[in-house]
């Protein structure tokens, strides 16, 4: 599934008020950081991750790597050093996306 521009805009509006659940630092995107994001997706469908100044990769690179390493995750947006990620709940999705 790929997200349409309309669906991305809807997710961006929902993510606006969220606080980052994880900060990626100088260690980069370690296995434990990816596991923490995956664990967070067990309780929510939309989340933010912050990449600090000392991180060895850019926010866009971190978002793309997380999306590649966790099944079903979509890299919705990168603004500055903040990443918005989305993974619909396979059983009972709470977020209803508008039609493409």
C-alpha atoms as a PDB file:
ATOM      1  CA  UNK A   1       0.000   0.000   0.000  1.00  0.00           C
ATOM      2  CA  UNK A   2       1.271   3.450  -0.883  1.00  0.00           C
ATOM      3  CA  UNK A   3      -0.171   6.631   0.531  1.00  0.00           C
ATOM      4  CA  UNK A   4      -1.756   9.210  -1.739  1.00  0.00           C
ATOM      5  CA  UNK A   5      -1.028  12.919  -1.241  1.00  0.00           C
ATOM      6  CA  UNK A   6      -4.497  13.356   0.256  1.00  0.00           C
ATOM      7  CA  UNK A   7      -3.872  10.547   2.764  1.00  0.00           C
ATOM      8  CA  UNK A   8      -0.448  11.972   3.662  1.00  0.00           C
ATOM      9  CA  UNK A   9      -2.024  15.380   4.289  1.00  0.00           C
ATOM     10  CA  UNK A  10      -4.633  13.785   6.556  1.00  0.00           C
ATOM     11  CA  UNK A  11      -1.944  11.955   8.554  1.00  0.00           C
ATOM     12  CA  UNK A  12       0.174  15.118   8.822  1.00  0.00           C
ATOM     13  CA  UNK A  13      -2.786  16.984  10.308  1.00  0.00           C
ATOM     14  CA  UNK A  14      -3.377  14.205  12.846  1.00  0.00           C
ATOM     15  CA  UNK A  15       0.318  14.117  13.803  1.00  0.00           C
ATOM     16  CA  UNK A  16       0.628  17.861  14.334  1.00  0.00           C
ATOM     17  CA  UNK A  17      -0.072  17.764  18.082  1.00  0.00           C
ATOM     18  CA  UNK A  18       1.973  14.606  18.828  1.00  0.00           C
ATOM     19  CA  UNK A  19       5.228  14.660  20.778  1.00  0.00           C
ATOM     20  CA  UNK A  20       8.212  12.563  19.645  1.00  0.00           C
ATOM     21  CA  UNK A  21       8.333   9.144  21.323  1.00  0.00           C
ATOM     22  CA  UNK A  22      12.010   8.510  20.536  1.00  0.00           C
ATOM     23  CA  UNK A  23      15.158  10.569  20.044  1.00  0.00           C
ATOM     24  CA  UNK A  24      17.810   9.182  17.694  1.00  0.00           C
ATOM     25  CA  UNK A  25      21.206  10.342  18.913  1.00  0.00           C
ATOM     26  CA  UNK A  26      24.885   9.855  18.192  1.00  0.00           C
ATOM     27  CA  UNK A  27      24.505   6.055  18.200  1.00  0.00           C
ATOM     28  CA  UNK A  28      22.299   6.361  15.136  1.00  0.00           C
ATOM     29  CA  UNK A  29      19.476   3.989  14.360  1.00  0.00           C
ATOM     30  CA  UNK A  30      20.443   1.001  16.492  1.00  0.00           C
ATOM     31  CA  UNK A  31      18.510  -2.257  16.682  1.00  0.00           C
ATOM     32  CA  UNK A  32      17.172  -1.218  20.076  1.00  0.00           C
ATOM     33  CA  UNK A  33      15.881   2.086  18.652  1.00  0.00           C
ATOM     34  CA  UNK A  34      14.082   0.251  15.852  1.00  0.00           C
ATOM     35  CA  UNK A  35      12.674  -2.210  18.410  1.00  0.00           C
ATOM     36  CA  UNK A  36      11.392   0.726  20.504  1.00  0.00           C
ATOM     37  CA  UNK A  37       9.584   2.163  17.467  1.00  0.00           C
ATOM     38  CA  UNK A  38       8.121  -1.240  16.651  1.00  0.00           C
ATOM     39  CA  UNK A  39       6.951  -1.626  20.252  1.00  0.00           C
ATOM     40  CA  UNK A  40       5.329   1.822  20.129  1.00  0.00           C
ATOM     41  CA  UNK A  41       3.362   0.740  17.056  1.00  0.00           C
ATOM     42  CA  UNK A  42       1.682  -1.911  19.226  1.00  0.00           C
ATOM     43  CA  UNK A  43      -0.285   0.834  20.999  1.00  0.00           C
ATOM     44  CA  UNK A  44      -0.615   3.537  18.339  1.00  0.00           C
ATOM     45  CA  UNK A  45      -0.718   3.918  14.576  1.00  0.00           C
ATOM     46  CA  UNK A  46       0.891   7.325  14.159  1.00  0.00           C
ATOM     47  CA  UNK A  47       4.033   8.572  15.860  1.00  0.00           C
ATOM     48  CA  UNK A  48       6.896  11.024  15.705  1.00  0.00           C
ATOM     49  CA  UNK A  49      10.625  10.386  16.014  1.00  0.00           C
ATOM     50  CA  UNK A  50      13.187  13.145  16.582  1.00  0.00           C
ATOM     51  CA  UNK A  51      16.734  12.979  15.179  1.00  0.00           C
ATOM     52  CA  UNK A  52      19.213  15.007  17.235  1.00  0.00           C
ATOM     53  CA  UNK A  53      21.981  17.204  15.831  1.00  0.00           C
ATOM     54  CA  UNK A  54      24.669  14.681  16.780  1.00  0.00           C
ATOM     55  CA  UNK A  55      23.105  11.793  14.880  1.00  0.00           C
ATOM     56  CA  UNK A  56      25.217  10.277  12.087  1.00  0.00           C
ATOM     57  CA  UNK A  57      22.294  10.310   9.644  1.00  0.00           C
ATOM     58  CA  UNK A  58      19.693  12.813   8.484  1.00  0.00           C
ATOM     59  CA  UNK A  59      16.066  12.667   9.557  1.00  0.00           C
ATOM     60  CA  UNK A  60      14.993  11.640   6.055  1.00  0.00           C
ATOM     61  CA  UNK A  61      17.504   8.778   6.038  1.00  0.00           C
ATOM     62  CA  UNK A  62      16.362   7.650   9.490  1.00  0.00           C
ATOM     63  CA  UNK A  63      12.698   7.688   8.431  1.00  0.00           C
ATOM     64  CA  UNK A  64      13.443   5.694   5.297  1.00  0.00           C
ATOM     65  CA  UNK A  65      15.501   3.150   7.257  1.00  0.00           C
ATOM     66  CA  UNK A  66      12.772   2.667   9.855  1.00  0.00           C
ATOM     67  CA  UNK A  67      10.195   2.171   7.093  1.00  0.00           C
ATOM     68  CA  UNK A  68      12.445  -0.443   5.465  1.00  0.00           C
ATOM     69  CA  UNK A  69      13.206  -2.318   8.692  1.00  0.00           C
ATOM     70  CA  UNK A  70       9.647  -2.548  10.102  1.00  0.00           C
ATOM     71  CA  UNK A  71       6.929  -4.195   8.024  1.00  0.00           C
ATOM     72  CA  UNK A  72       3.981  -2.011   7.076  1.00  0.00           C
ATOM     73  CA  UNK A  73       5.480   1.309   8.209  1.00  0.00           C
ATOM     74  CA  UNK A  74       5.063   4.376   6.011  1.00  0.00           C
ATOM     75  CA  UNK A  75       7.375   7.375   6.227  1.00  0.00           C
ATOM     76  CA  UNK A  76       4.728  10.105   6.034  1.00  0.00           C
ATOM     77  CA  UNK A  77       6.747  13.278   6.484  1.00  0.00           C
ATOM     78  CA  UNK A  78      10.033  14.806   7.542  1.00  0.00           C
ATOM     79  CA  UNK A  79      10.080  18.352   8.875  1.00  0.00           C
ATOM     80  CA  UNK A  80      13.475  19.526  10.025  1.00  0.00           C
ATOM     81  CA  UNK A  81      14.679  16.771  12.332  1.00  0.00           C
ATOM     82  CA  UNK A  82      11.252  15.293  13.077  1.00  0.00           C
ATOM     83  CA  UNK A  83       9.867  12.216  11.305  1.00  0.00           C
ATOM     84  CA  UNK A  84       6.200  11.198  11.126  1.00  0.00           C
ATOM     85  CA  UNK A  85       5.598   7.456  10.752  1.00  0.00           C
ATOM     86  CA  UNK A  86       2.365   5.532  10.186  1.00  0.00           C
ATOM     87  CA  UNK A  87       1.481   1.861  10.431  1.00  0.00           C
ATOM     88  CA  UNK A  88      -2.193   0.861  10.351  1.00  0.00           C
ATOM     89  CA  UNK A  89      -3.316  -1.657  12.937  1.00  0.00           C
ATOM     90  CA  UNK A  90      -3.910  -4.905  11.015  1.00  0.00           C
ATOM     91  CA  UNK A  91      -6.796  -6.005  13.251  1.00  0.00           C
ATOM     92  CA  UNK A  92      -8.797  -2.866  13.961  1.00  0.00           C
ATOM     93  CA  UNK A  93      -7.393   0.346  12.486  1.00  0.00           C
ATOM     94  CA  UNK A  94      -8.334   3.471  14.428  1.00  0.00           C
ATOM     95  CA  UNK A  95      -7.279   5.962  11.763  1.00  0.00           C
ATOM     96  CA  UNK A  96      -9.567   6.010   8.766  1.00  0.00           C
ATOM     97  CA  UNK A  97      -7.721   7.271   5.720  1.00  0.00           C
ATOM     98  CA  UNK A  98      -9.594   9.262   3.083  1.00  0.00           C
ATOM     99  CA  UNK A  99      -9.895   7.692  -0.345  1.00  0.00           C
ATOM    100  CA  UNK A 100      -6.881   8.273  -2.580  1.00  0.00           C
END
